[in-house]
C-alpha atoms as a PDB file:
ATOM      1  CA  UNK A   1       0.000   0.000   0.000  1.00  0.00           C
ATOM      2  CA  UNK A   2       1.578   3.209  -1.182  1.00  0.00           C
ATOM      3  CA  UNK A   3       0.932   6.499   0.620  1.00  0.00           C
ATOM      4  CA  UNK A   4      -0.770   8.929  -1.703  1.00  0.00           C
ATOM      5  CA  UNK A   5      -2.754   6.262  -3.565  1.00  0.00           C
ATOM      6  CA  UNK A   6      -6.088   7.630  -4.748  1.00  0.00           C
ATOM      7  CA  UNK A   7      -9.118   6.086  -3.030  1.00  0.00           C
ATOM      8  CA  UNK A   8     -10.747   4.904  -6.254  1.00  0.00           C
ATOM      9  CA  UNK A   9      -7.529   3.172  -7.351  1.00  0.00           C
ATOM     10  CA  UNK A  10      -7.097   1.567  -3.931  1.00  0.00           C
ATOM     11  CA  UNK A  11     -10.640   0.204  -3.954  1.00  0.00           C
ATOM     12  CA  UNK A  12     -10.285  -1.133  -7.479  1.00  0.00           C
ATOM     13  CA  UNK A  13      -7.285  -3.195  -6.346  1.00  0.00           C
ATOM     14  CA  UNK A  14      -8.391  -4.283  -2.874  1.00  0.00           C
ATOM     15  CA  UNK A  15     -12.202  -4.663  -2.868  1.00  0.00           C
ATOM     16  CA  UNK A  16     -15.073  -5.996  -4.941  1.00  0.00           C
ATOM     17  CA  UNK A  17     -16.812  -3.804  -7.499  1.00  0.00           C
ATOM     18  CA  UNK A  18     -19.968  -3.604  -5.379  1.00  0.00           C
ATOM     19  CA  UNK A  19     -18.176  -2.485  -2.210  1.00  0.00           C
ATOM     20  CA  UNK A  20     -16.125  -0.042  -4.255  1.00  0.00           C
ATOM     21  CA  UNK A  21     -19.296   1.568  -5.651  1.00  0.00           C
ATOM     22  CA  UNK A  22     -20.860   1.896  -2.198  1.00  0.00           C
ATOM     23  CA  UNK A  23     -17.707   3.328  -0.624  1.00  0.00           C
ATOM     24  CA  UNK A  24     -17.149   5.792  -3.450  1.00  0.00           C
ATOM     25  CA  UNK A  25     -20.738   6.996  -3.140  1.00  0.00           C
ATOM     26  CA  UNK A  26     -20.242   7.511   0.588  1.00  0.00           C
ATOM     27  CA  UNK A  27     -16.917   9.285   0.010  1.00  0.00           C
ATOM     28  CA  UNK A  28     -18.392  11.649  -2.566  1.00  0.00           C
ATOM     29  CA  UNK A  29     -21.410  12.398  -0.388  1.00  0.00           C
ATOM     30  CA  UNK A  30     -19.138  13.143   2.566  1.00  0.00           C
ATOM     31  CA  UNK A  31     -17.020  15.440   0.410  1.00  0.00           C
ATOM     32  CA  UNK A  32     -20.151  17.535  -0.151  1.00  0.00           C
ATOM     33  CA  UNK A  33     -21.057  17.369   3.547  1.00  0.00           C
ATOM     34  CA  UNK A  34     -17.513  18.398   4.482  1.00  0.00           C
ATOM     35  CA  UNK A  35     -17.754  21.501   2.295  1.00  0.00           C
ATOM     36  CA  UNK A  36     -21.070  22.402   3.924  1.00  0.00           C
ATOM     37  CA  UNK A  37     -19.556  21.956   7.389  1.00  0.00           C
ATOM     38  CA  UNK A  38     -16.580  24.163   6.474  1.00  0.00           C
ATOM     39  CA  UNK A  39     -18.857  26.920   5.167  1.00  0.00           C
ATOM     40  CA  UNK A  40     -21.729  26.522   7.615  1.00  0.00           C
ATOM     41  CA  UNK A  41     -21.216  29.919   9.217  1.00  0.00           C
ATOM     42  CA  UNK A  42     -21.621  31.668   5.849  1.00  0.00           C
ATOM     43  CA  UNK A  43     -25.035  30.249   4.974  1.00  0.00           C
ATOM     44  CA  UNK A  44     -28.363  29.619   6.637  1.00  0.00           C
ATOM     45  CA  UNK A  45     -27.655  26.020   7.614  1.00  0.00           C
ATOM     46  CA  UNK A  46     -26.773  26.441  11.284  1.00  0.00           C
ATOM     47  CA  UNK A  47     -29.201  25.872  14.116  1.00  0.00           C
ATOM     48  CA  UNK A  48     -32.190  23.583  14.520  1.00  0.00           C
ATOM     49  CA  UNK A  49     -35.008  22.768  12.123  1.00  0.00           C
ATOM     50  CA  UNK A  50     -37.663  22.876  14.825  1.00  0.00           C
ATOM     51  CA  UNK A  51     -38.307  19.139  14.608  1.00  0.00           C
ATOM     52  CA  UNK A  52     -36.979  16.126  16.500  1.00  0.00           C
ATOM     53  CA  UNK A  53     -35.617  12.847  15.183  1.00  0.00           C
ATOM     54  CA  UNK A  54     -36.706   9.341  16.152  1.00  0.00           C
ATOM     55  CA  UNK A  55     -34.426   9.545  19.209  1.00  0.00           C
ATOM     56  CA  UNK A  56     -36.293  12.613  20.488  1.00  0.00           C
ATOM     57  CA  UNK A  57     -33.303  14.871  19.815  1.00  0.00           C
ATOM     58  CA  UNK A  58     -33.544  18.313  18.215  1.00  0.00           C
ATOM     59  CA  UNK A  59     -32.726  18.009  14.534  1.00  0.00           C
ATOM     60  CA  UNK A  60     -30.010  20.337  13.274  1.00  0.00           C
ATOM     61  CA  UNK A  61     -30.368  21.783   9.785  1.00  0.00           C
ATOM     62  CA  UNK A  62     -27.097  20.120   8.776  1.00  0.00           C
ATOM     63  CA  UNK A  63     -28.345  16.766  10.119  1.00  0.00           C
ATOM     64  CA  UNK A  64     -31.256  16.896   7.720  1.00  0.00           C
ATOM     65  CA  UNK A  65     -29.188  18.085   4.747  1.00  0.00           C
ATOM     66  CA  UNK A  66     -26.470  15.485   5.339  1.00  0.00           C
ATOM     67  CA  UNK A  67     -29.038  12.702   5.533  1.00  0.00           C
ATOM     68  CA  UNK A  68     -30.604  13.697   2.214  1.00  0.00           C
ATOM     69  CA  UNK A  69     -27.226  13.985   0.471  1.00  0.00           C
ATOM     70  CA  UNK A  70     -26.198  10.498   1.603  1.00  0.00           C
ATOM     71  CA  UNK A  71     -29.496   9.015   0.445  1.00  0.00           C
ATOM     72  CA  UNK A  72     -29.173  10.705  -2.956  1.00  0.00           C
ATOM     73  CA  UNK A  73     -25.624   9.476  -3.609  1.00  0.00           C
ATOM     74  CA  UNK A  74     -26.357   5.936  -2.430  1.00  0.00           C
ATOM     75  CA  UNK A  75     -29.495   5.764  -4.554  1.00  0.00           C
ATOM     76  CA  UNK A  76     -27.490   6.616  -7.667  1.00  0.00           C
ATOM     77  CA  UNK A  77     -25.240   3.548  -7.222  1.00  0.00           C
ATOM     78  CA  UNK A  78     -28.175   1.113  -7.619  1.00  0.00           C
ATOM     79  CA  UNK A  79     -26.159  -1.122  -5.234  1.00  0.00           C
ATOM     80  CA  UNK A  80     -27.678   0.142  -1.995  1.00  0.00           C
ATOM     81  CA  UNK A  81     -31.008  -1.586  -1.393  1.00  0.00           C
ATOM     82  CA  UNK A  82     -31.829  -0.265   2.062  1.00  0.00           C
ATOM     83  CA  UNK A  83     -30.983   2.742   4.183  1.00  0.00           C
ATOM     84  CA  UNK A  84     -31.283   3.282   7.934  1.00  0.00           C
ATOM     85  CA  UNK A  85     -30.468   6.596   9.550  1.00  0.00           C
ATOM     86  CA  UNK A  86     -30.761   8.319  12.889  1.00  0.00           C
ATOM     87  CA  UNK A  87     -32.717  11.007  11.047  1.00  0.00           C
ATOM     88  CA  UNK A  88     -35.374   8.669   9.586  1.00  0.00           C
ATOM     89  CA  UNK A  89     -38.135   7.096  11.643  1.00  0.00           C
ATOM     90  CA  UNK A  90     -38.068   3.856   9.665  1.00  0.00           C
ATOM     91  CA  UNK A  91     -36.012   1.912   7.149  1.00  0.00           C
ATOM     92  CA  UNK A  92     -35.993   3.157   3.545  1.00  0.00           C
ATOM     93  CA  UNK A  93     -35.809   1.187   0.298  1.00  0.00           C
ATOM     94  CA  UNK A  94     -33.476   2.967  -2.134  1.00  0.00           C
ATOM     95  CA  UNK A  95     -33.109   0.330  -4.858  1.00  0.00           C
ATOM     96  CA  UNK A  96     -35.407  -2.755  -4.924  1.00  0.00           C
ATOM     97  CA  UNK A  97     -32.739  -4.828  -6.710  1.00  0.00           C
ATOM     98  CA  UNK A  98     -29.775  -3.578  -4.652  1.00  0.00           C
ATOM     99  CA  UNK A  99     -27.404  -5.805  -2.688  1.00  0.00           C
ATOM    100  CA  UNK A 100     -26.219  -3.675   0.223  1.00  0.00           C
ATOM    101  CA  UNK A 101     -27.875  -2.499   3.422  1.00  0.00           C
ATOM    102  CA  UNK A 102     -26.394   0.725   4.813  1.00  0.00           C
ATOM    103  CA  UNK A 103     -26.912   2.043   8.354  1.00  0.00           C
ATOM    104  CA  UNK A 104     -25.715   5.598   8.983  1.00  0.00           C
ATOM    105  CA  UNK A 105     -25.352   8.349  11.526  1.00  0.00           C
ATOM    106  CA  UNK A 106     -25.224  11.219   9.012  1.00  0.00           C
ATOM    107  CA  UNK A 107     -23.705  13.788  11.358  1.00  0.00           C
ATOM    108  CA  UNK A 108     -22.374  12.447  14.634  1.00  0.00           C
ATOM    109  CA  UNK A 109     -21.802  15.141  17.257  1.00  0.00           C
ATOM    110  CA  UNK A 110     -23.990  17.655  15.446  1.00  0.00           C
ATOM    111  CA  UNK A 111     -24.494  19.623  18.677  1.00  0.00           C
ATOM    112  CA  UNK A 112     -20.855  20.695  18.136  1.00  0.00           C
ATOM    113  CA  UNK A 113     -21.598  22.341  14.777  1.00  0.00           C
ATOM    114  CA  UNK A 114     -22.185  25.832  16.142  1.00  0.00           C
ATOM    115  CA  UNK A 115     -18.869  25.817  18.072  1.00  0.00           C
ATOM    116  CA  UNK A 116     -16.766  24.390  15.197  1.00  0.00           C
ATOM    117  CA  UNK A 117     -15.660  21.259  17.060  1.00  0.00           C
ATOM    118  CA  UNK A 118     -14.896  18.079  15.055  1.00  0.00           C
ATOM    119  CA  UNK A 119     -17.934  16.088  13.909  1.00  0.00           C
ATOM    120  CA  UNK A 120     -18.364  13.142  11.565  1.00  0.00           C
ATOM    121  CA  UNK A 121     -20.372  10.603   9.591  1.00  0.00           C
ATOM    122  CA  UNK A 122     -20.486   6.916  10.653  1.00  0.00           C
ATOM    123  CA  UNK A 123     -21.588   4.061   8.391  1.00  0.00           C
ATOM    124  CA  UNK A 124     -21.989   0.289   8.388  1.00  0.00           C
ATOM    125  CA  UNK A 125     -22.639  -1.988   5.392  1.00  0.00           C
ATOM    126  CA  UNK A 126     -23.991  -5.554   5.336  1.00  0.00           C
ATOM    127  CA  UNK A 127     -25.232  -7.800   2.557  1.00  0.00           C
ATOM    128  CA  UNK A 128     -28.966  -7.901   1.991  1.00  0.00           C
ATOM    129  CA  UNK A 129     -30.826 -11.001   3.205  1.00  0.00           C
ATOM    130  CA  UNK A 130     -34.093 -10.560   1.305  1.00  0.00           C
ATOM    131  CA  UNK A 131     -34.158 -11.240  -2.443  1.00  0.00           C
ATOM    132  CA  UNK A 132     -35.568  -8.044  -3.968  1.00  0.00           C
ATOM    133  CA  UNK A 133     -38.383  -5.550  -3.635  1.00  0.00           C
ATOM    134  CA  UNK A 134     -38.805  -3.503  -0.463  1.00  0.00           C
ATOM    135  CA  UNK A 135     -36.194  -4.145   2.200  1.00  0.00           C
ATOM    136  CA  UNK A 136     -37.280  -5.678   5.513  1.00  0.00           C
ATOM    137  CA  UNK A 137     -36.243  -5.077   9.144  1.00  0.00           C
ATOM    138  CA  UNK A 138     -34.446  -8.440   9.075  1.00  0.00           C
ATOM    139  CA  UNK A 139     -32.080  -7.051   6.438  1.00  0.00           C
ATOM    140  CA  UNK A 140     -30.837  -4.553   9.015  1.00  0.00           C
ATOM    141  CA  UNK A 141     -31.093  -6.630  12.191  1.00  0.00           C
ATOM    142  CA  UNK A 142     -27.883  -8.562  11.649  1.00  0.00           C
ATOM    143  CA  UNK A 143     -25.112  -9.093  14.170  1.00  0.00           C
ATOM    144  CA  UNK A 144     -22.065  -6.902  13.796  1.00  0.00           C
ATOM    145  CA  UNK A 145     -19.903  -9.809  12.694  1.00  0.00           C
ATOM    146  CA  UNK A 146     -21.870  -9.756   9.408  1.00  0.00           C
ATOM    147  CA  UNK A 147     -20.423  -6.340   8.552  1.00  0.00           C
ATOM    148  CA  UNK A 148     -18.700  -6.272   5.153  1.00  0.00           C
ATOM    149  CA  UNK A 149     -17.586  -2.646   5.348  1.00  0.00           C
ATOM    150  CA  UNK A 150     -17.585  -0.020   8.087  1.00  0.00           C
ATOM    151  CA  UNK A 151     -16.136   3.419   8.446  1.00  0.00           C
ATOM    152  CA  UNK A 152     -16.434   7.047   9.355  1.00  0.00           C
ATOM    153  CA  UNK A 153     -15.496  10.444   8.004  1.00  0.00           C
ATOM    154  CA  UNK A 154     -14.221  13.097  10.399  1.00  0.00           C
ATOM    155  CA  UNK A 155     -14.663  16.770   9.539  1.00  0.00           C
ATOM    156  CA  UNK A 156     -11.968  18.619  11.456  1.00  0.00           C
ATOM    157  CA  UNK A 157      -8.697  20.338  10.576  1.00  0.00           C
ATOM    158  CA  UNK A 158      -8.666  17.775   7.765  1.00  0.00           C
ATOM    159  CA  UNK A 159     -11.443  15.655   6.303  1.00  0.00           C
ATOM    160  CA  UNK A 160     -10.411  12.022   6.716  1.00  0.00           C
ATOM    161  CA  UNK A 161     -12.193   8.828   5.651  1.00  0.00           C
ATOM    162  CA  UNK A 162     -11.382   5.803   7.807  1.00  0.00           C
ATOM    163  CA  UNK A 163     -12.729   2.419   6.752  1.00  0.00           C
ATOM    164  CA  UNK A 164     -12.241  -1.332   6.817  1.00  0.00           C
ATOM    165  CA  UNK A 165     -13.536  -4.072   4.549  1.00  0.00           C
ATOM    166  CA  UNK A 166     -12.339  -6.739   6.982  1.00  0.00           C
ATOM    167  CA  UNK A 167      -8.654  -6.535   6.122  1.00  0.00           C
ATOM    168  CA  UNK A 168      -7.146  -3.831   8.299  1.00  0.00           C
ATOM    169  CA  UNK A 169      -8.060  -0.213   8.957  1.00  0.00           C
ATOM    170  CA  UNK A 170      -7.012   2.481   6.476  1.00  0.00           C
ATOM    171  CA  UNK A 171      -7.324   6.256   6.402  1.00  0.00           C
ATOM    172  CA  UNK A 172      -7.669   8.539   3.384  1.00  0.00           C
ATOM    173  CA  UNK A 173      -7.324  12.323   3.603  1.00  0.00           C
ATOM    174  CA  UNK A 174      -9.303  14.660   1.367  1.00  0.00           C
ATOM    175  CA  UNK A 175      -7.213  16.876  -0.898  1.00  0.00           C
ATOM    176  CA  UNK A 176      -9.294  20.033  -1.163  1.00  0.00           C
ATOM    177  CA  UNK A 177      -7.567  21.094  -4.398  1.00  0.00           C
ATOM    178  CA  UNK A 178      -9.060  18.224  -6.428  1.00  0.00           C
ATOM    179  CA  UNK A 179     -11.725  16.819  -4.019  1.00  0.00           C
ATOM    180  CA  UNK A 180     -10.089  13.371  -4.069  1.00  0.00           C
ATOM    181  CA  UNK A 181      -9.220  11.163  -1.082  1.00  0.00           C
ATOM    182  CA  UNK A 182      -5.634   9.858  -0.892  1.00  0.00           C
ATOM    183  CA  UNK A 183      -4.154   7.149   1.333  1.00  0.00           C
ATOM    184  CA  UNK A 184      -2.559   8.798   4.364  1.00  0.00           C
ATOM    185  CA  UNK A 185      -2.846   6.129   7.096  1.00  0.00           C
ATOM    186  CA  UNK A 186      -2.220   2.523   6.014  1.00  0.00           C
ATOM    187  CA  UNK A 187      -2.839  -0.509   8.249  1.00  0.00           C
ATOM    188  CA  UNK A 188      -3.567   1.461  11.406  1.00  0.00           C
ATOM    189  CA  UNK A 189      -2.995  -0.414  14.641  1.00  0.00           C
ATOM    190  CA  UNK A 190      -4.496   0.860  17.876  1.00  0.00           C
ATOM    191  CA  UNK A 191      -1.779   1.073  20.562  1.00  0.00           C
ATOM    192  CA  UNK A 192      -2.384  -1.835  22.932  1.00  0.00           C
ATOM    193  CA  UNK A 193      -1.630   0.253  26.002  1.00  0.00           C
ATOM    194  CA  UNK A 194      -3.516   3.529  25.934  1.00  0.00           C
ATOM    195  CA  UNK A 195      -3.255   6.459  28.353  1.00  0.00           C
ATOM    196  CA  UNK A 196      -6.416   8.396  27.461  1.00  0.00           C
ATOM    197  CA  UNK A 197      -9.961   7.869  28.699  1.00  0.00           C
ATOM    198  CA  UNK A 198     -12.974   9.557  27.115  1.00  0.00           C
ATOM    199  CA  UNK A 199     -16.254   9.837  29.001  1.00  0.00           C
ATOM    200  CA  UNK A 200     -18.769  12.515  29.905  1.00  0.00           C
ATOM    201  CA  UNK A 201     -17.630  12.689  33.503  1.00  0.00           C
ATOM    202  CA  UNK A 202     -20.293  15.293  34.230  1.00  0.00           C
ATOM    203  CA  UNK A 203     -22.734  12.375  34.310  1.00  0.00           C
ATOM    204  CA  UNK A 204     -20.764  10.544  36.991  1.00  0.00           C
ATOM    205  CA  UNK A 205     -23.631  10.511  39.493  1.00  0.00           C
ATOM    206  CA  UNK A 206     -25.734   8.622  36.921  1.00  0.00           C
ATOM    207  CA  UNK A 207     -23.163   5.803  36.716  1.00  0.00           C
ATOM    208  CA  UNK A 208     -23.002   2.585  38.700  1.00  0.00           C
ATOM    209  CA  UNK A 209     -20.291   2.257  41.353  1.00  0.00           C
ATOM    210  CA  UNK A 210     -18.279  -0.072  39.093  1.00  0.00           C
ATOM    211  CA  UNK A 211     -17.901   2.746  36.536  1.00  0.00           C
ATOM    212  CA  UNK A 212     -17.010   5.247  39.255  1.00  0.00           C
ATOM    213  CA  UNK A 213     -14.357   2.855  40.571  1.00  0.00           C
ATOM    214  CA  UNK A 214     -12.825   2.508  37.123  1.00  0.00           C
ATOM    215  CA  UNK A 215     -12.732   6.294  36.715  1.00  0.00           C
ATOM    216  CA  UNK A 216     -11.038   6.570  40.117  1.00  0.00           C
ATOM    217  CA  UNK A 217      -8.480   4.032  38.878  1.00  0.00           C
ATOM    218  CA  UNK A 218      -7.845   6.110  35.740  1.00  0.00           C
ATOM    219  CA  UNK A 219      -7.334   9.321  37.724  1.00  0.00           C
ATOM    220  CA  UNK A 220      -5.202   7.810  40.501  1.00  0.00           C
ATOM    221  CA  UNK A 221      -1.440   8.351  40.582  1.00  0.00           C
ATOM    222  CA  UNK A 222       0.714   5.287  39.899  1.00  0.00           C
ATOM    223  CA  UNK A 223       4.074   5.639  38.136  1.00  0.00           C
ATOM    224  CA  UNK A 224       4.296   1.942  37.247  1.00  0.00           C
ATOM    225  CA  UNK A 225       1.161   2.149  35.070  1.00  0.00           C
ATOM    226  CA  UNK A 226       1.774   5.789  33.956  1.00  0.00           C
ATOM    227  CA  UNK A 227      -1.300   7.009  35.795  1.00  0.00           C
ATOM    228  CA  UNK A 228      -3.146   9.280  36.083  1.00  0.00           C
ATOM    229  CA  UNK A 229      -4.415   8.862  32.554  1.00  0.00           C
ATOM    230  CA  UNK A 230      -5.515  11.892  30.558  1.00  0.00           C
ATOM    231  CA  UNK A 231      -9.239  12.683  30.360  1.00  0.00           C
ATOM    232  CA  UNK A 232     -10.200  13.865  26.863  1.00  0.00           C
ATOM    233  CA  UNK A 233     -13.843  14.248  25.832  1.00  0.00           C
ATOM    234  CA  UNK A 234     -15.145  16.181  22.821  1.00  0.00           C
ATOM    235  CA  UNK A 235     -18.743  14.966  22.790  1.00  0.00           C
ATOM    236  CA  UNK A 236     -18.525  13.439  19.325  1.00  0.00           C
ATOM    237  CA  UNK A 237     -17.938   9.696  19.114  1.00  0.00           C
ATOM    238  CA  UNK A 238     -16.092  10.143  15.822  1.00  0.00           C
ATOM    239  CA  UNK A 239     -13.753  12.786  17.203  1.00  0.00           C
ATOM    240  CA  UNK A 240     -13.002  10.999  20.473  1.00  0.00           C
ATOM    241  CA  UNK A 241     -12.426   7.634  18.813  1.00  0.00           C
ATOM    242  CA  UNK A 242     -10.359   9.078  15.959  1.00  0.00           C
ATOM    243  CA  UNK A 243      -7.862  10.339  18.533  1.00  0.00           C
ATOM    244  CA  UNK A 244      -7.869   7.017  20.373  1.00  0.00           C
ATOM    245  CA  UNK A 245      -7.455   4.999  17.155  1.00  0.00           C
ATOM    246  CA  UNK A 246      -4.210   6.861  16.542  1.00  0.00           C
ATOM    247  CA  UNK A 247      -2.912   7.417  20.083  1.00  0.00           C
ATOM    248  CA  UNK A 248      -4.561   4.677  22.127  1.00  0.00           C
ATOM    249  CA  UNK A 249      -7.176   5.012  24.839  1.00  0.00           C
ATOM    250  CA  UNK A 250     -10.706   4.022  25.788  1.00  0.00           C
ATOM    251  CA  UNK A 251     -14.062   5.598  24.933  1.00  0.00           C
ATOM    252  CA  UNK A 252     -16.846   4.857  27.405  1.00  0.00           C
ATOM    253  CA  UNK A 253     -20.576   5.452  27.152  1.00  0.00           C
ATOM    254  CA  UNK A 254     -22.162   3.307  29.877  1.00  0.00           C
ATOM    255  CA  UNK A 255     -25.793   2.766  30.707  1.00  0.00           C
ATOM    256  CA  UNK A 256     -27.096   4.946  33.519  1.00  0.00           C
ATOM    257  CA  UNK A 257     -28.182   3.487  36.834  1.00  0.00           C
ATOM    258  CA  UNK A 258     -31.271   1.337  36.436  1.00  0.00           C
ATOM    259  CA  UNK A 259     -31.012   1.210  32.631  1.00  0.00           C
ATOM    260  CA  UNK A 260     -30.464  -2.027  30.755  1.00  0.00           C
ATOM    261  CA  UNK A 261     -28.847  -0.299  27.773  1.00  0.00           C
ATOM    262  CA  UNK A 262     -26.876   2.845  27.046  1.00  0.00           C
ATOM    263  CA  UNK A 263     -27.577   5.817  24.803  1.00  0.00           C
ATOM    264  CA  UNK A 264     -25.595   5.171  21.626  1.00  0.00           C
ATOM    265  CA  UNK A 265     -27.235   3.386  18.709  1.00  0.00           C
ATOM    266  CA  UNK A 266     -26.102  -0.159  18.055  1.00  0.00           C
ATOM    267  CA  UNK A 267     -26.482  -0.447  14.272  1.00  0.00           C
ATOM    268  CA  UNK A 268     -25.018   2.865  13.126  1.00  0.00           C
ATOM    269  CA  UNK A 269     -22.682   3.886  15.944  1.00  0.00           C
ATOM    270  CA  UNK A 270     -21.528   0.995  18.134  1.00  0.00           C
ATOM    271  CA  UNK A 271     -21.364  -1.739  15.470  1.00  0.00           C
ATOM    272  CA  UNK A 272     -19.344   0.130  12.821  1.00  0.00           C
ATOM    273  CA  UNK A 273     -16.909   1.555  15.361  1.00  0.00           C
ATOM    274  CA  UNK A 274     -16.492  -1.880  16.951  1.00  0.00           C
ATOM    275  CA  UNK A 275     -15.783  -3.435  13.556  1.00  0.00           C
ATOM    276  CA  UNK A 276     -13.106  -0.805  12.931  1.00  0.00           C
ATOM    277  CA  UNK A 277     -11.477  -1.160  16.340  1.00  0.00           C
ATOM    278  CA  UNK A 278     -11.239  -4.942  16.044  1.00  0.00           C
ATOM    279  CA  UNK A 279      -9.725  -4.629  12.562  1.00  0.00           C
ATOM    280  CA  UNK A 280      -7.087  -2.384  14.131  1.00  0.00           C
ATOM    281  CA  UNK A 281      -6.269  -4.731  17.026  1.00  0.00           C
ATOM    282  CA  UNK A 282      -8.460  -3.118  19.691  1.00  0.00           C
ATOM    283  CA  UNK A 283     -11.472  -4.336  21.628  1.00  0.00           C
ATOM    284  CA  UNK A 284     -15.126  -3.385  22.105  1.00  0.00           C
ATOM    285  CA  UNK A 285     -17.758  -4.609  24.555  1.00  0.00           C
ATOM    286  CA  UNK A 286     -21.062  -3.494  26.050  1.00  0.00           C
ATOM    287  CA  UNK A 287     -19.643  -4.403  29.450  1.00  0.00           C
ATOM    288  CA  UNK A 288     -20.921  -7.970  29.279  1.00  0.00           C
ATOM    289  CA  UNK A 289     -20.166  -9.240  25.805  1.00  0.00           C
ATOM    290  CA  UNK A 290     -18.507  -8.358  22.517  1.00  0.00           C
ATOM    291  CA  UNK A 291     -20.466  -5.689  20.640  1.00  0.00           C
ATOM    292  CA  UNK A 292     -20.196  -7.599  17.355  1.00  0.00           C
ATOM    293  CA  UNK A 293     -21.916 -10.618  18.952  1.00  0.00           C
ATOM    294  CA  UNK A 294     -25.012  -8.669  19.986  1.00  0.00           C
ATOM    295  CA  UNK A 295     -28.250  -9.564  18.218  1.00  0.00           C
ATOM    296  CA  UNK A 296     -30.189  -6.349  17.453  1.00  0.00           C
ATOM    297  CA  UNK A 297     -33.894  -6.485  18.249  1.00  0.00           C
ATOM    298  CA  UNK A 298     -34.945  -3.182  16.678  1.00  0.00           C
ATOM    299  CA  UNK A 299     -33.404  -0.849  14.115  1.00  0.00           C
ATOM    300  CA  UNK A 300     -32.836   2.064  16.508  1.00  0.00           C
ATOM    301  CA  UNK A 301     -31.660  -0.122  19.401  1.00  0.00           C
ATOM    302  CA  UNK A 302     -29.274   1.428  21.899  1.00  0.00           C
ATOM    303  CA  UNK A 303     -26.238  -0.031  23.648  1.00  0.00           C
ATOM    304  CA  UNK A 304     -23.606   0.742  26.225  1.00  0.00           C
ATOM    305  CA  UNK A 305     -20.056   0.636  24.880  1.00  0.00           C
ATOM    306  CA  UNK A 306     -16.472   0.336  26.147  1.00  0.00           C
ATOM    307  CA  UNK A 307     -14.134   0.569  23.169  1.00  0.00           C
ATOM    308  CA  UNK A 308     -10.465   1.182  22.496  1.00  0.00           C
ATOM    309  CA  UNK A 309      -7.046  -0.160  23.419  1.00  0.00           C
ATOM    310  CA  UNK A 310      -7.222  -3.764  24.566  1.00  0.00           C
ATOM    311  CA  UNK A 311      -5.507  -3.228  27.921  1.00  0.00           C
ATOM    312  CA  UNK A 312      -7.887  -0.451  28.952  1.00  0.00           C
ATOM    313  CA  UNK A 313     -11.032  -2.285  27.849  1.00  0.00           C
ATOM    314  CA  UNK A 314      -9.823  -5.379  29.728  1.00  0.00           C
ATOM    315  CA  UNK A 315      -9.196  -3.265  32.812  1.00  0.00           C
ATOM    316  CA  UNK A 316     -12.651  -1.650  32.576  1.00  0.00           C
ATOM    317  CA  UNK A 317     -14.222  -5.113  32.311  1.00  0.00           C
ATOM    318  CA  UNK A 318     -12.410  -6.228  35.441  1.00  0.00           C
ATOM    319  CA  UNK A 319     -14.147  -3.454  37.399  1.00  0.00           C
ATOM    320  CA  UNK A 320     -17.526  -4.255  35.853  1.00  0.00           C
ATOM    321  CA  UNK A 321     -17.270  -7.860  37.034  1.00  0.00           C
ATOM    322  CA  UNK A 322     -16.617  -6.865  40.660  1.00  0.00           C
END
């Protein structure tokens, strides 16, 4: 793998034609979204629409625009049969004869838009189970280990596409002069021993004692284990995990006291990120079992998640079992 290789050329050599078409559609859609994000302050696309999404969250104008752009580009491929998004109440059939099922968070961390903090797009792709015609819930409700392609795009100081088709994790940076993605991070490996933990510690009183004890462990002083670890939390799963993919660490979004599940969505947040982390040598769990072994029961299902460097996820699990 040669640094500077154009995304389309890389995909032609290393993936199937169908996956290449889906990934290129996603890349081109995210190029458009990235330009909108960069210029958001100069046009009337900041703020809320006045409506809420299926999660009960206020819908940002850019959320809605990003969702429509992704649907349009994926429809044009005629490969994407079904589409699931945080911004849609239900599943959508894009192409009755398509082969791929795509689950997406169009704009992760969109509450950060107005303050120009990094945000992103997360996606997961599986093969369709039904034959043709309208897609069915069963097409989407597949375990994470059925993922054939997962990735995210981060819109920050650079626009970077990170993805895996099951053979390593690779990053491509957008060249704004020609709007093409070029290989910049080949075969990324998550450092096994991280020193960063990412969690909304302002919610600490909502957490079980086992989580509090792990956070106390992270913040305690111990030279042998290079503690205290550094707390870093942006409030965008893409942004926090992008840093930890490259530098090592753990991202935690636990269930609150008395809740069976967490806040993040399984199919278009936890599953794709877990697929990526495992392809890069890391680990992901809901605190009880591997995320990619979970059987979804509904398309907008939520999950707790502990994801990142193997040593830190293992350590977190040891506290959860006590």
